[in-house]
Amino acid sequence: MGKKYEALGQYLDFLSKARIPACDLVIFRDHAMQYRHMAGFRDTERTRPLCGDETYCLYSCSKVFTSCAAMQLAEQGKIGLDDPVAWYLPAYSQLRVKSEEGEVPARKTMTVRHLLSMQSGLNYDMKTPALQKLLLETGHHASTREIADTLAAVPLEFEPGTDFLYSLSHDVLAAVIEAVSGKSFGEYLQKSVFDPLEMKTIGFALKEYDRDRQCAQYQYMEDSASIKPIPKDYIEHRLSDRHESGGAGLISDVKDYITFADAIACGGTGKNGARILSPETICVWNANQLIGRSRKSFDVWNRRGYSYALGVRTRVDLKKGGPGTIGEFGWDGAAGSWVMMDPDRHLSAFFAMHVRDFGYVYDVVHPKLRSLIYEAEQI
């Protein structure tokens, strides 16, 4: 697709030989595909090259959809970003916070904005006694709402709004969306995002007829600097068979994800004309939310040039991290997938891979891809 993308292709081919058995990158601009390159194999035996229809566990790339859904409801006036979470989930009316004196009643009110911006005080501990008890009592059939309500019994790490901590906040946000919409979280996404944009594959469960095209999944083993295969549709963040995890539960192919990313990058309207969000709401969505202590905690993540907005990273500094645009935003996932959306340039990209917990990807690969994309697009 042109000599300007030659460096991208070479880099992706290199990655497929460097402990990333499969990777797929697609770039869109103004609803038109500018570039796509895939490298590697969809099976552990490495006998079946990628053909482009593979599906991947999105892990935390799911959070972009969850925050989008919340912003839709905010745009419609059905939810306020600064509304107390307890208005929608009464279990959050009597929260407790860890302190030097032990657990004490929370003095600050947890809001929807705190959930979106990871300033809620919740943590990412999925093995708390309260959760384990719920899963045991329900035979691992606990619903999204039941799991969220149970998390309210776990003491917060800090007063809401006073720090940043990556957490199960978006799983709680999914339950808020259920309470506001009157639909299950999956039903809401299907009717409000997936169907309007004609996204056919994405969902919380791998459809039986899609099972063969699910890309092989791996775990990076830091002690041996190697990878090992794991079940290809295994998502540890799915706590029960009824849990539609807003934080990490979706499975998608590349086509569906870039369809969504392209719509957001083009002012919230898809190629088919369906409007998901207004440009004004997108400006609220990708606005920086962190200052002071919260920003310092986020900076530990080494997302150079970025801060955190409402459920997404957002570019705030062009002096750090290489070429780009202020306001470019997106996120990544535990198996290495990554999305970027640039509303100013109507530019979007989605990168799919399936190796869990490979830290090199976040520190090196994603920034490199972004820089190569902007250099190729001459922006």
Protein backbone atom coordinates (compact mmCIF):
# COMPACT_ATOMS: atom_id res chain seq x y z
CA MET A 1 0.00 0.00 0.00
CA GLY A 2 2.77 2.42 -0.76
CA LYS A 3 6.40 2.93 0.11
CA LYS A 4 5.55 5.29 2.98
CA TYR A 5 4.42 2.31 5.08
CA GLU A 6 7.53 0.23 4.40
CA ALA A 7 9.02 0.83 7.86
CA LEU A 8 5.76 -0.25 9.51
CA GLY A 9 5.68 -3.50 7.57
CA GLN A 10 9.28 -4.26 8.43
CA TYR A 11 8.63 -3.60 12.11
CA LEU A 12 5.55 -5.83 12.21
CA ASP A 13 7.46 -8.63 10.49
CA PHE A 14 10.20 -8.23 13.10
CA LEU A 15 7.66 -8.44 15.92
CA SER A 16 6.23 -11.70 14.58
CA LYS A 17 9.64 -13.25 15.05
CA ALA A 18 10.27 -11.71 18.50
CA ARG A 19 7.97 -13.68 20.83
CA ILE A 20 4.81 -12.24 19.25
CA PRO A 21 3.57 -15.15 17.11
CA ALA A 22 0.78 -13.10 15.51
CA CYS A 23 0.15 -9.40 15.02
CA ASP A 24 -2.22 -7.37 12.85
CA LEU A 25 -2.25 -3.59 12.34
CA VAL A 26 -4.84 -1.55 10.47
CA ILE A 27 -4.94 2.22 9.91
CA PHE A 28 -7.99 4.24 8.85
CA ARG A 29 -8.39 7.89 7.94
CA ASP A 30 -11.68 9.58 7.02
CA HIS A 31 -13.47 6.20 6.83
CA ALA A 32 -10.96 4.76 4.38
CA MET A 33 -8.38 2.08 5.10
CA GLN A 34 -4.90 3.48 4.58
CA TYR A 35 -2.90 0.41 5.50
CA ARG A 36 -3.13 -3.11 6.87
CA HIS A 37 -0.38 -5.59 7.53
CA MET A 38 -0.51 -8.87 9.39
CA ALA A 39 2.34 -11.20 10.29
CA GLY A 40 2.59 -14.59 11.93
CA PHE A 41 0.29 -17.52 12.56
CA ARG A 42 -3.11 -18.09 14.13
CA ASP A 43 -2.27 -21.54 15.56
CA THR A 44 0.31 -22.74 18.07
CA GLU A 45 1.76 -25.18 15.51
CA ARG A 46 2.46 -22.18 13.24
CA THR A 47 1.02 -23.88 10.19
CA ARG A 48 -1.85 -21.46 9.51
CA PRO A 49 -0.78 -17.91 8.58
CA LEU A 50 -3.02 -15.03 9.65
CA CYS A 51 -5.67 -14.26 7.06
CA GLY A 52 -7.28 -11.24 8.74
CA ASP A 53 -10.51 -12.66 10.16
CA GLU A 54 -8.97 -13.76 13.48
CA THR A 55 -10.65 -12.88 16.76
CA TYR A 56 -8.82 -11.76 19.91
CA CYS A 57 -9.58 -11.34 23.60
CA LEU A 58 -9.50 -7.55 23.99
CA TYR A 59 -8.91 -7.44 27.74
CA SER A 60 -8.65 -3.77 28.74
CA CYS A 61 -9.26 -2.54 25.20
CA SER A 62 -12.84 -3.34 26.30
CA LYS A 63 -12.70 -0.28 28.57
CA VAL A 64 -12.92 2.03 25.57
CA PHE A 65 -16.38 0.64 24.77
CA THR A 66 -17.47 0.86 28.41
CA SER A 67 -16.45 4.49 28.71
CA CYS A 68 -18.06 5.24 25.34
CA ALA A 69 -21.33 3.77 26.60
CA ALA A 70 -21.17 5.94 29.72
CA MET A 71 -20.51 9.01 27.58
CA GLN A 72 -23.52 8.18 25.41
CA LEU A 73 -25.77 8.15 28.47
CA ALA A 74 -24.21 11.39 29.69
CA GLU A 75 -24.85 12.98 26.29
CA GLN A 76 -28.48 11.90 26.50
CA GLY A 77 -28.84 13.43 29.97
CA LYS A 78 -29.58 10.05 31.55
CA ILE A 79 -26.50 10.14 33.75
CA GLY A 80 -24.32 12.89 35.20
CA LEU A 81 -20.56 12.48 35.37
CA ASP A 82 -20.58 13.91 38.88
CA ASP A 83 -23.58 11.91 40.06
CA PRO A 84 -22.92 9.71 43.10
CA VAL A 85 -22.52 6.06 42.14
CA ALA A 86 -24.94 5.27 45.00
CA TRP A 87 -27.77 6.91 43.05
CA TYR A 88 -27.59 3.98 40.64
CA LEU A 89 -26.05 1.28 42.85
CA PRO A 90 -27.35 1.71 46.43
CA ALA A 91 -24.70 -0.72 47.72
CA TYR A 92 -22.22 2.17 47.31
CA SER A 93 -23.97 4.41 49.84
CA GLN A 94 -21.84 3.33 52.82
CA LEU A 95 -18.31 2.86 51.57
CA ARG A 96 -15.32 2.35 53.83
CA VAL A 97 -11.68 3.36 53.30
CA LYS A 98 -8.40 1.88 54.49
CA SER A 99 -6.49 4.09 56.90
CA GLU A 100 -3.70 3.86 59.45
CA GLU A 101 -6.38 3.38 62.09
CA GLY A 102 -8.05 0.60 60.12
CA GLU A 103 -11.22 0.82 58.03
CA VAL A 104 -13.14 4.07 58.41
CA PRO A 105 -16.27 5.45 56.71
CA ALA A 106 -15.50 7.27 53.46
CA ARG A 107 -15.72 11.05 53.79
CA LYS A 108 -15.89 11.73 50.06
CA THR A 109 -18.60 10.57 47.66
CA MET A 110 -17.66 8.22 44.83
CA THR A 111 -18.97 9.57 41.52
CA VAL A 112 -19.38 8.27 37.98
CA ARG A 113 -16.43 10.47 36.98
CA HIS A 114 -14.28 8.72 39.59
CA LEU A 115 -15.15 5.34 38.06
CA LEU A 116 -14.32 6.55 34.56
CA SER A 117 -11.03 8.18 35.55
CA MET A 118 -9.80 5.39 37.85
CA GLN A 119 -9.96 7.68 40.87
CA SER A 120 -12.64 5.66 42.68
CA GLY A 121 -10.36 4.06 45.28
CA LEU A 122 -11.30 0.56 44.12
CA ASN A 123 -8.51 -1.93 43.39
CA TYR A 124 -8.00 -4.80 40.91
CA ASP A 125 -8.07 -7.63 43.45
CA MET A 126 -10.34 -10.32 42.00
CA LYS A 127 -9.72 -12.74 44.86
CA THR A 128 -11.14 -10.80 47.79
CA PRO A 129 -13.07 -12.94 50.32
CA ALA A 130 -16.30 -11.12 49.45
CA LEU A 131 -15.99 -11.94 45.76
CA GLN A 132 -14.94 -15.53 46.38
CA LYS A 133 -17.92 -16.00 48.69
CA LEU A 134 -20.31 -14.62 46.05
CA LEU A 135 -18.90 -16.86 43.33
CA LEU A 136 -19.13 -19.90 45.60
CA GLU A 137 -22.70 -19.13 46.66
CA THR A 138 -23.85 -18.57 43.07
CA GLY A 139 -21.96 -21.50 41.60
CA HIS A 140 -19.99 -19.03 39.48
CA HIS A 141 -23.22 -17.69 37.94
CA ALA A 142 -23.01 -14.25 39.54
CA SER A 143 -24.31 -11.41 37.39
CA THR A 144 -22.50 -8.22 36.43
CA ARG A 145 -24.64 -6.31 38.95
CA GLU A 146 -24.07 -8.82 41.76
CA ILE A 147 -20.32 -8.64 41.26
CA ALA A 148 -20.36 -4.83 41.27
CA ASP A 149 -22.49 -4.70 44.43
CA THR A 150 -20.13 -7.11 46.17
CA LEU A 151 -17.15 -4.88 45.37
CA ALA A 152 -18.81 -2.16 47.47
CA ALA A 153 -18.06 -4.26 50.56
CA VAL A 154 -14.30 -4.11 49.90
CA PRO A 155 -12.62 -1.14 51.66
CA LEU A 156 -11.30 1.51 49.28
CA GLU A 157 -7.57 2.14 48.92
CA PHE A 158 -8.08 5.91 49.28
CA GLU A 159 -10.80 8.54 49.42
CA PRO A 160 -12.55 8.83 46.03
CA GLY A 161 -11.07 11.53 43.82
CA THR A 162 -7.76 11.83 45.67
CA ASP A 163 -5.52 9.45 43.68
CA PHE A 164 -5.30 7.27 40.56
CA LEU A 165 -5.35 3.47 40.77
CA TYR A 166 -6.09 1.15 37.87
CA SER A 167 -8.92 -1.00 39.13
CA LEU A 168 -12.23 -2.78 38.65
CA SER A 169 -13.89 0.63 38.30
CA HIS A 170 -15.15 -0.13 34.79
CA ASP A 171 -16.74 -3.37 35.93
CA VAL A 172 -18.72 -1.26 38.39
CA LEU A 173 -19.42 1.25 35.61
CA ALA A 174 -20.95 -1.55 33.53
CA ALA A 175 -23.42 -2.17 36.36
CA VAL A 176 -24.23 1.55 36.48
CA ILE A 177 -24.98 1.42 32.75
CA GLU A 178 -27.28 -1.54 33.37
CA ALA A 179 -29.12 0.33 36.11
CA VAL A 180 -29.56 3.46 33.97
CA SER A 181 -30.50 1.73 30.71
CA GLY A 182 -32.64 -1.09 32.08
CA LYS A 183 -30.71 -3.52 29.86
CA SER A 184 -27.88 -5.95 30.51
CA PHE A 185 -24.53 -4.40 29.72
CA GLY A 186 -24.12 -6.62 26.67
CA GLU A 187 -27.59 -5.74 25.39
CA TYR A 188 -26.87 -2.04 25.81
CA LEU A 189 -23.63 -2.24 23.82
CA GLN A 190 -25.29 -4.35 21.13
CA LYS A 191 -28.18 -1.94 20.58
CA SER A 192 -26.30 1.33 21.08
CA VAL A 193 -22.87 0.67 19.55
CA PHE A 194 -22.45 -2.66 17.79
CA ASP A 195 -25.68 -2.81 15.76
CA PRO A 196 -25.63 0.84 14.63
CA LEU A 197 -22.06 0.43 13.33
CA GLU A 198 -22.83 -3.02 11.86
CA MET A 199 -20.21 -4.76 13.98
CA LYS A 200 -20.97 -8.45 13.49
CA THR A 201 -18.41 -10.34 15.59
CA ILE A 202 -17.68 -8.47 18.82
CA GLY A 203 -19.26 -9.70 22.05
CA PHE A 204 -18.68 -11.13 25.50
CA ALA A 205 -18.70 -14.75 24.38
CA LEU A 206 -16.98 -16.46 21.49
CA LYS A 207 -19.69 -17.64 19.11
CA GLU A 208 -19.39 -21.32 18.29
CA TYR A 209 -19.00 -20.67 14.56
CA ASP A 210 -16.18 -18.20 15.33
CA ARG A 211 -14.23 -20.59 17.54
CA ASP A 212 -11.96 -21.83 14.77
CA ARG A 213 -10.84 -18.30 13.89
CA GLN A 214 -9.89 -17.33 17.45
CA CYS A 215 -6.16 -16.62 17.38
CA ALA A 216 -3.91 -18.77 19.58
CA GLN A 217 -3.23 -17.06 22.91
CA TYR A 218 0.01 -17.10 24.89
CA GLN A 219 1.42 -16.13 28.28
CA TYR A 220 4.79 -14.41 28.49
CA MET A 221 7.06 -16.06 31.07
CA GLU A 222 9.36 -13.39 32.42
CA ASP A 223 11.70 -15.76 34.25
CA SER A 224 12.60 -17.59 31.02
CA ALA A 225 11.84 -14.79 28.54
CA SER A 226 9.63 -17.21 26.64
CA ILE A 227 5.95 -17.74 25.86
CA LYS A 228 3.63 -20.66 26.49
CA PRO A 229 0.22 -21.36 24.96
CA ILE A 230 -2.88 -20.85 27.10
CA PRO A 231 -6.54 -21.52 26.21
CA LYS A 232 -7.28 -19.17 23.33
CA ASP A 233 -10.53 -17.80 24.70
CA TYR A 234 -9.49 -17.71 28.36
CA ILE A 235 -10.07 -14.36 30.10
CA GLU A 236 -9.29 -14.44 33.81
CA HIS A 237 -11.19 -11.18 34.32
CA ARG A 238 -14.47 -12.91 33.43
CA LEU A 239 -15.43 -13.92 36.96
CA SER A 240 -18.53 -15.95 36.08
CA ASP A 241 -20.44 -17.18 33.05
CA ARG A 242 -22.87 -14.23 33.50
CA HIS A 243 -20.24 -11.57 34.12
CA GLU A 244 -20.08 -9.09 31.23
CA SER A 245 -16.88 -7.41 32.31
CA GLY A 246 -16.76 -3.74 31.41
CA GLY A 247 -13.07 -3.79 32.21
CA ALA A 248 -11.82 -6.73 30.17
CA GLY A 249 -14.51 -9.03 28.80
CA LEU A 250 -14.93 -8.42 25.06
CA ILE A 251 -13.75 -10.55 22.15
CA SER A 252 -13.48 -9.01 18.67
CA ASP A 253 -11.88 -9.22 15.28
CA VAL A 254 -9.82 -6.38 13.82
CA LYS A 255 -12.54 -5.32 11.37
CA ASP A 256 -15.08 -4.62 14.11
CA TYR A 257 -12.69 -2.73 16.34
CA ILE A 258 -11.39 -0.44 13.59
CA THR A 259 -14.97 0.23 12.50
CA PHE A 260 -15.62 1.63 15.97
CA ALA A 261 -12.30 3.47 16.27
CA ASP A 262 -12.78 5.08 12.86
CA ALA A 263 -16.25 6.30 13.87
CA ILE A 264 -14.92 7.94 17.02
CA ALA A 265 -11.95 9.50 15.19
CA CYS A 266 -14.36 10.94 12.63
CA GLY A 267 -16.42 12.92 15.13
CA GLY A 268 -18.49 10.01 16.44
CA THR A 269 -20.09 9.04 13.11
CA GLY A 270 -19.38 5.77 11.33
CA LYS A 271 -18.79 5.21 7.63
CA ASN A 272 -22.39 4.01 7.35
CA GLY A 273 -23.67 7.32 8.77
CA ALA A 274 -24.57 6.02 12.23
CA ARG A 275 -23.76 8.55 14.95
CA ILE A 276 -22.45 7.08 18.20
CA LEU A 277 -21.35 10.27 19.95
CA SER A 278 -21.24 13.97 19.16
CA PRO A 279 -17.91 15.72 18.60
CA GLU A 280 -18.64 17.82 21.69
CA THR A 281 -19.00 14.71 23.85
CA ILE A 282 -15.76 13.27 22.47
CA CYS A 283 -14.01 16.47 23.60
CA VAL A 284 -15.27 15.79 27.13
CA TRP A 285 -14.38 12.09 26.90
CA ASN A 286 -10.70 12.64 26.03
CA ALA A 287 -10.10 15.62 28.35
CA ASN A 288 -7.42 15.12 30.99
CA GLN A 289 -8.82 14.29 34.44
CA LEU A 290 -5.65 13.97 36.50
CA ILE A 291 -3.78 16.56 38.55
CA GLY A 292 -1.50 16.45 41.57
CA ARG A 293 -1.17 13.11 43.31
CA SER A 294 -3.37 11.33 40.74
CA ARG A 295 -1.18 12.45 37.85
CA LYS A 296 1.98 11.34 39.67
CA SER A 297 0.48 7.89 40.19
CA PHE A 298 -0.45 7.61 36.51
CA ASP A 299 3.02 8.71 35.41
CA VAL A 300 4.46 5.58 37.03
CA TRP A 301 2.91 3.72 34.07
CA ASN A 302 5.46 5.40 31.76
CA ARG A 303 2.90 6.45 29.14
CA ARG A 304 5.19 9.28 28.03
CA GLY A 305 3.32 12.36 26.82
CA TYR A 306 -0.02 11.08 28.13
CA SER A 307 -2.37 11.52 31.04
CA TYR A 308 -5.64 9.74 31.79
CA ALA A 309 -9.06 11.01 30.73
CA LEU A 310 -12.48 9.36 31.15
CA GLY A 311 -11.51 5.72 30.71
CA VAL A 312 -8.77 6.32 28.14
CA ARG A 313 -5.22 7.64 27.94
CA THR A 314 -5.03 11.07 26.30
CA ARG A 315 -2.09 12.88 24.71
CA VAL A 316 -1.26 16.06 26.63
CA ASP A 317 2.42 16.73 25.82
CA LEU A 318 4.12 16.55 22.42
CA LYS A 319 7.55 17.19 23.93
CA LYS A 320 7.56 13.64 25.28
CA GLY A 321 6.89 10.33 23.58
CA GLY A 322 7.46 11.12 19.92
CA PRO A 323 5.22 12.49 17.13
CA GLY A 324 1.47 12.74 17.57
CA THR A 325 -1.43 15.07 18.23
CA ILE A 326 -2.76 16.60 21.44
CA GLY A 327 -6.01 14.82 22.25
CA GLU A 328 -5.15 11.54 20.50
CA PHE A 329 -6.58 8.89 22.80
CA GLY A 330 -7.23 5.19 23.33
CA TRP A 331 -5.98 2.32 25.49
CA ASP A 332 -4.45 -1.16 25.42
CA GLY A 333 -5.09 -4.66 26.75
CA ALA A 334 -3.40 -7.41 28.77
CA ALA A 335 -2.65 -9.47 25.65
CA GLY A 336 -1.06 -6.49 23.88
CA SER A 337 -3.83 -5.10 21.70
CA TRP A 338 -3.80 -1.29 21.33
CA VAL A 339 -6.06 1.37 19.85
CA MET A 340 -5.47 5.03 19.00
CA MET A 341 -8.05 7.58 17.85
CA ASP A 342 -7.13 11.08 16.68
CA PRO A 343 -10.26 13.26 16.25
CA ASP A 344 -8.27 16.23 14.92
CA ARG A 345 -6.84 14.21 12.02
CA HIS A 346 -9.72 11.73 11.63
CA LEU A 347 -7.02 9.10 12.06
CA SER A 348 -7.37 5.76 13.85
CA ALA A 349 -5.41 2.55 14.21
CA PHE A 350 -5.92 -0.80 15.89
CA PHE A 351 -3.17 -3.30 16.65
CA ALA A 352 -4.08 -6.86 17.64
CA MET A 353 -1.88 -9.50 19.24
CA HIS A 354 -2.44 -12.29 21.75
CA VAL A 355 0.44 -12.55 24.25
CA ARG A 356 -0.51 -11.79 27.85
CA ASP A 357 1.59 -9.74 30.25
CA PHE A 358 4.47 -8.91 27.90
CA GLY A 359 5.65 -5.59 29.39
CA TYR A 360 7.96 -4.82 26.46
CA VAL A 361 4.89 -4.27 24.29
CA TYR A 362 3.60 -1.34 26.35
CA ASP A 363 6.96 0.31 26.91
CA VAL A 364 8.40 -0.13 23.42
CA VAL A 365 6.05 -1.57 20.78
CA HIS A 366 3.00 0.66 21.18
CA PRO A 367 4.97 3.94 21.24
CA LYS A 368 7.00 2.74 18.24
CA LEU A 369 3.85 1.89 16.28
CA ARG A 370 2.34 5.28 17.02
CA SER A 371 5.48 7.10 15.92
CA LEU A 372 5.72 5.08 12.70
CA ILE A 373 2.04 5.74 11.94
CA TYR A 374 2.41 9.49 12.33
CA GLU A 375 5.63 9.51 10.34
CA ALA A 376 3.98 7.52 7.53
CA GLU A 377 0.97 9.80 7.52
CA GLN A 378 3.33 12.83 7.57
CA ILE A 379 1.47 14.53 10.37
